[in-house]
């Protein structure tokens, strides 16, 4: 499987489209599509490569996020009940600020989906086992974006 999520203009524009698409709840749709896509990629990789420890799975998940061109993600803590993730750099936030400027609301719906996919894959659970909420955002002026993750 090949995927490309590289162009920050493209990512910025389809994030804006998701926000404008209120009748379909575009934000939720973008989160779930991201979660489904990344869950299968991460789970398949862990299974095929025999990656069994939580620490190794988290590290690979952080590296894969960067490899995908989305930014630099760090899992601060993770457990079966949830955890916390920081976004040290964000391709989307950088693109959004360049194109539209800063704003009060977070924009990382794709990353929320990635984070919930990562937690589900790390703990061997199914998609929709976790929810992620961006509680601090680079696009809103924070030094780092921060995501709180809770088990559903």
Foldseek 3Di string as FASTA:
>chain_A
DDDADADLLVVQVQLVVLVVPVVVNSLVVLLQVLLVVLLCVLLVVCVVVVPQALVVLQVVLQVVCVVNNAAGKDFPDADLFWGKIKGQDGSNLVSCCVPPNADQDARPSSVQSSVQSSNCSSVVHDRPQKGKDFPDHVSNPDNIIMITMGGD
